Amino acid sequence: MRKHFQYILFFLSILIVYELYLIISFKYIDIQKDLIITGTEKNIENKKILLKTKKEYFAYINTNAYKDKIAKSSQNRKNPWEEVIFVVTKEESEQYKELDVQKQMYGEKDIKKPTYWMSNRQKWVFYVLNKDIRD
């Protein structure tokens, strides 16, 4: 009879451990779901803020004041009731305008690296020893 109670006790202890495992695993899954939900809510709030700023920016771009400003700065246009006073000559302003447009279109890509005309051996010496051994 005593042996029979030991088996029952062993079975019940295994059952209790298994139920504790299930409770802990379900709680862990629940916590993970809560973390995912809060992360998603934060992401949604960030997207809402980003969307709001983009809407404000696009609303600003579509205003007549912005279009007028762009037309004046890039195309040298003016409104009929305005007078334009040039501080520099037209040639200088055209030259600066071309330079500005070139920088915007091409960037600073025309600047060549100091190793552009070097051979591989010269480049290695330049990078490793910081010496320029060109003729």
C-alpha atoms as a PDB file:
ATOM      1  CA  MET A   1       0.000   0.000   0.000  1.00  0.00           C
ATOM      2  CA  ARG A   2       2.802   2.379   0.847  1.00  0.00           C
ATOM      3  CA  LYS A   3       4.401   1.760  -2.543  1.00  0.00           C
ATOM      4  CA  HIS A   4       1.112   2.672  -4.196  1.00  0.00           C
ATOM      5  CA  PHE A   5       1.045   6.087  -2.449  1.00  0.00           C
ATOM      6  CA  GLN A   6       4.608   6.775  -3.507  1.00  0.00           C
ATOM      7  CA  TYR A   7       3.652   6.264  -7.166  1.00  0.00           C
ATOM      8  CA  ILE A   8       0.680   8.577  -6.765  1.00  0.00           C
ATOM      9  CA  LEU A   9       2.867  11.192  -5.075  1.00  0.00           C
ATOM     10  CA  PHE A  10       5.468  10.913  -7.838  1.00  0.00           C
ATOM     11  CA  PHE A  11       2.792  11.220 -10.528  1.00  0.00           C
ATOM     12  CA  LEU A  12       1.223  14.266  -8.836  1.00  0.00           C
ATOM     13  CA  SER A  13       4.606  15.962  -8.406  1.00  0.00           C
ATOM     14  CA  ILE A  14       5.345  15.458 -12.123  1.00  0.00           C
ATOM     15  CA  LEU A  15       1.884  16.800 -12.931  1.00  0.00           C
ATOM     16  CA  ILE A  16       2.508  19.899 -10.777  1.00  0.00           C
ATOM     17  CA  VAL A  17       5.892  20.532 -12.432  1.00  0.00           C
ATOM     18  CA  TYR A  18       4.294  20.163 -15.866  1.00  0.00           C
ATOM     19  CA  GLU A  19       1.505  22.599 -14.950  1.00  0.00           C
ATOM     20  CA  LEU A  20       4.073  25.092 -13.652  1.00  0.00           C
ATOM     21  CA  TYR A  21       5.955  24.743 -16.936  1.00  0.00           C
ATOM     22  CA  LEU A  22       2.744  25.429 -18.882  1.00  0.00           C
ATOM     23  CA  ILE A  23       1.897  28.460 -16.732  1.00  0.00           C
ATOM     24  CA  ILE A  24       5.404  29.931 -17.116  1.00  0.00           C
ATOM     25  CA  SER A  25       5.513  29.287 -20.871  1.00  0.00           C
ATOM     26  CA  PHE A  26       2.069  30.846 -21.446  1.00  0.00           C
ATOM     27  CA  LYS A  27       3.023  33.852 -19.324  1.00  0.00           C
ATOM     28  CA  TYR A  28       6.262  34.230 -21.303  1.00  0.00           C
ATOM     29  CA  ILE A  29       4.336  34.131 -24.578  1.00  0.00           C
ATOM     30  CA  ASP A  30       1.874  36.688 -23.177  1.00  0.00           C
ATOM     31  CA  ILE A  31       4.726  39.016 -22.188  1.00  0.00           C
ATOM     32  CA  GLN A  32       6.275  38.650 -25.646  1.00  0.00           C
ATOM     33  CA  LYS A  33       2.952  39.545 -27.265  1.00  0.00           C
ATOM     34  CA  ASP A  34       2.647  42.612 -25.027  1.00  0.00           C
ATOM     35  CA  LEU A  35       6.162  43.715 -26.000  1.00  0.00           C
ATOM     36  CA  ILE A  36       5.355  43.286 -29.687  1.00  0.00           C
ATOM     37  CA  ILE A  37       2.128  45.248 -29.276  1.00  0.00           C
ATOM     38  CA  THR A  38       3.854  48.139 -27.473  1.00  0.00           C
ATOM     39  CA  GLY A  39       6.637  48.168 -30.063  1.00  0.00           C
ATOM     40  CA  THR A  40       4.077  48.254 -32.854  1.00  0.00           C
ATOM     41  CA  GLU A  41       2.188  51.081 -31.139  1.00  0.00           C
ATOM     42  CA  LYS A  42       5.397  53.113 -30.850  1.00  0.00           C
ATOM     43  CA  ASN A  43       6.151  52.400 -34.502  1.00  0.00           C
ATOM     44  CA  ILE A  44       2.654  53.553 -35.481  1.00  0.00           C
ATOM     45  CA  GLU A  45       3.083  56.780 -33.490  1.00  0.00           C
ATOM     46  CA  ASN A  46       6.432  57.423 -35.184  1.00  0.00           C
ATOM     47  CA  LYS A  47       4.866  56.800 -38.595  1.00  0.00           C
ATOM     48  CA  LYS A  48       2.005  59.183 -37.744  1.00  0.00           C
ATOM     49  CA  ILE A  49       4.466  61.910 -36.788  1.00  0.00           C
ATOM     50  CA  LEU A  50       6.493  61.308 -39.948  1.00  0.00           C
ATOM     51  CA  LEU A  51       3.346  61.354 -42.052  1.00  0.00           C
ATOM     52  CA  LYS A  52       2.225  64.589 -40.418  1.00  0.00           C
ATOM     53  CA  THR A  53       5.569  66.277 -41.135  1.00  0.00           C
ATOM     54  CA  LYS A  54       5.498  65.042 -44.736  1.00  0.00           C
ATOM     55  CA  LYS A  55       1.963  66.346 -45.179  1.00  0.00           C
ATOM     56  CA  GLU A  56       3.015  69.729 -43.805  1.00  0.00           C
ATOM     57  CA  TYR A  57       6.057  69.764 -46.108  1.00  0.00           C
ATOM     58  CA  PHE A  58       4.006  68.858 -49.183  1.00  0.00           C
ATOM     59  CA  ALA A  59       1.401  71.453 -48.239  1.00  0.00           C
ATOM     60  CA  TYR A  60       4.207  74.002 -48.003  1.00  0.00           C
ATOM     61  CA  ILE A  61       5.615  72.952 -51.385  1.00  0.00           C
ATOM     62  CA  ASN A  62       2.228  73.374 -53.042  1.00  0.00           C
ATOM     63  CA  THR A  63       1.788  76.935 -51.821  1.00  0.00           C
ATOM     64  CA  ASN A  64       2.136  79.820 -54.243  1.00  0.00           C
ATOM     65  CA  ALA A  65       4.762  81.469 -52.031  1.00  0.00           C
ATOM     66  CA  TYR A  66       7.076  78.460 -52.323  1.00  0.00           C
ATOM     67  CA  LYS A  67       6.565  78.204 -56.091  1.00  0.00           C
ATOM     68  CA  ASP A  68       7.245  81.938 -56.395  1.00  0.00           C
ATOM     69  CA  LYS A  69      10.415  81.591 -54.314  1.00  0.00           C
ATOM     70  CA  ILE A  70      11.693  78.706 -56.443  1.00  0.00           C
ATOM     71  CA  ALA A  71      10.876  80.517 -59.677  1.00  0.00           C
ATOM     72  CA  LYS A  72      12.743  83.586 -58.463  1.00  0.00           C
ATOM     73  CA  SER A  73      15.808  81.714 -57.249  1.00  0.00           C
ATOM     74  CA  SER A  74      16.272  79.197 -60.052  1.00  0.00           C
ATOM     75  CA  GLN A  75      14.783  80.848 -63.134  1.00  0.00           C
ATOM     76  CA  ASN A  76      15.422  84.551 -62.426  1.00  0.00           C
ATOM     77  CA  ARG A  77      11.749  85.403 -62.694  1.00  0.00           C
ATOM     78  CA  LYS A  78       9.892  88.193 -60.949  1.00  0.00           C
ATOM     79  CA  ASN A  79       6.320  89.223 -60.291  1.00  0.00           C
ATOM     80  CA  PRO A  80       4.894  92.068 -62.436  1.00  0.00           C
ATOM     81  CA  TRP A  81       4.636  94.492 -59.488  1.00  0.00           C
ATOM     82  CA  GLU A  82       8.188  93.886 -58.263  1.00  0.00           C
ATOM     83  CA  GLU A  83      11.376  95.700 -59.165  1.00  0.00           C
ATOM     84  CA  VAL A  84      14.660  93.849 -59.296  1.00  0.00           C
ATOM     85  CA  ILE A  85      17.878  95.553 -58.281  1.00  0.00           C
ATOM     86  CA  PHE A  86      21.100  93.823 -59.291  1.00  0.00           C
ATOM     87  CA  VAL A  87      23.995  94.260 -56.911  1.00  0.00           C
ATOM     88  CA  VAL A  88      26.318  92.347 -59.244  1.00  0.00           C
ATOM     89  CA  THR A  89      26.407  92.320 -63.022  1.00  0.00           C
ATOM     90  CA  LYS A  90      24.268  89.888 -64.947  1.00  0.00           C
ATOM     91  CA  GLU A  91      27.329  87.988 -66.172  1.00  0.00           C
ATOM     92  CA  GLU A  92      28.524  87.384 -62.613  1.00  0.00           C
ATOM     93  CA  SER A  93      25.076  86.291 -61.478  1.00  0.00           C
ATOM     94  CA  GLU A  94      24.811  83.882 -64.436  1.00  0.00           C
ATOM     95  CA  GLN A  95      28.260  82.517 -63.622  1.00  0.00           C
ATOM     96  CA  TYR A  96      27.323  81.938 -59.955  1.00  0.00           C
ATOM     97  CA  LYS A  97      24.010  80.433 -60.993  1.00  0.00           C
ATOM     98  CA  GLU A  98      25.755  77.970 -63.324  1.00  0.00           C
ATOM     99  CA  LEU A  99      28.208  77.021 -60.581  1.00  0.00           C
ATOM    100  CA  ASP A 100      25.390  76.465 -58.119  1.00  0.00           C
ATOM    101  CA  VAL A 101      23.432  74.354 -60.610  1.00  0.00           C
ATOM    102  CA  GLN A 102      26.524  72.306 -61.435  1.00  0.00           C
ATOM    103  CA  LYS A 103      27.173  71.645 -57.749  1.00  0.00           C
ATOM    104  CA  GLN A 104      23.588  70.558 -57.240  1.00  0.00           C
ATOM    105  CA  MET A 105      23.554  68.325 -60.314  1.00  0.00           C
ATOM    106  CA  TYR A 106      27.017  66.814 -60.206  1.00  0.00           C
ATOM    107  CA  GLY A 107      28.167  67.433 -56.662  1.00  0.00           C
ATOM    108  CA  GLU A 108      31.874  67.513 -55.960  1.00  0.00           C
ATOM    109  CA  LYS A 109      32.662  64.466 -58.093  1.00  0.00           C
ATOM    110  CA  ASP A 110      35.047  66.358 -60.384  1.00  0.00           C
ATOM    111  CA  ILE A 111      37.701  66.514 -57.659  1.00  0.00           C
ATOM    112  CA  LYS A 112      40.228  63.773 -58.294  1.00  0.00           C
ATOM    113  CA  LYS A 113      41.834  61.817 -55.480  1.00  0.00           C
ATOM    114  CA  PRO A 114      45.565  62.352 -54.892  1.00  0.00           C
ATOM    115  CA  THR A 115      46.205  58.783 -56.039  1.00  0.00           C
ATOM    116  CA  TYR A 116      44.322  59.129 -59.331  1.00  0.00           C
ATOM    117  CA  TRP A 117      47.377  59.081 -61.619  1.00  0.00           C
ATOM    118  CA  MET A 118      49.512  56.768 -59.438  1.00  0.00           C
ATOM    119  CA  SER A 119      50.429  53.203 -60.258  1.00  0.00           C
ATOM    120  CA  ASN A 120      49.535  50.420 -57.844  1.00  0.00           C
ATOM    121  CA  ARG A 121      53.021  50.381 -56.366  1.00  0.00           C
ATOM    122  CA  GLN A 122      52.938  54.140 -55.826  1.00  0.00           C
ATOM    123  CA  LYS A 123      49.497  53.874 -54.216  1.00  0.00           C
ATOM    124  CA  TRP A 124      50.726  51.214 -51.777  1.00  0.00           C
ATOM    125  CA  VAL A 125      53.681  53.344 -50.775  1.00  0.00           C
ATOM    126  CA  PHE A 126      51.422  56.383 -50.448  1.00  0.00           C
ATOM    127  CA  TYR A 127      48.889  54.607 -48.206  1.00  0.00           C
ATOM    128  CA  VAL A 128      51.309  52.540 -46.112  1.00  0.00           C
ATOM    129  CA  LEU A 129      54.225  54.944 -45.695  1.00  0.00           C
ATOM    130  CA  ASN A 130      52.414  58.237 -46.358  1.00  0.00           C
ATOM    131  CA  LYS A 131      55.045  59.162 -48.962  1.00  0.00           C
ATOM    132  CA  ASP A 132      54.448  60.467 -52.444  1.00  0.00           C
ATOM    133  CA  ILE A 133      57.088  58.806 -54.676  1.00  0.00           C
ATOM    134  CA  ARG A 134      55.899  60.232 -57.980  1.00  0.00           C
ATOM    135  CA  ASP A 135      58.497  61.893 -60.167  1.00  0.00           C
END
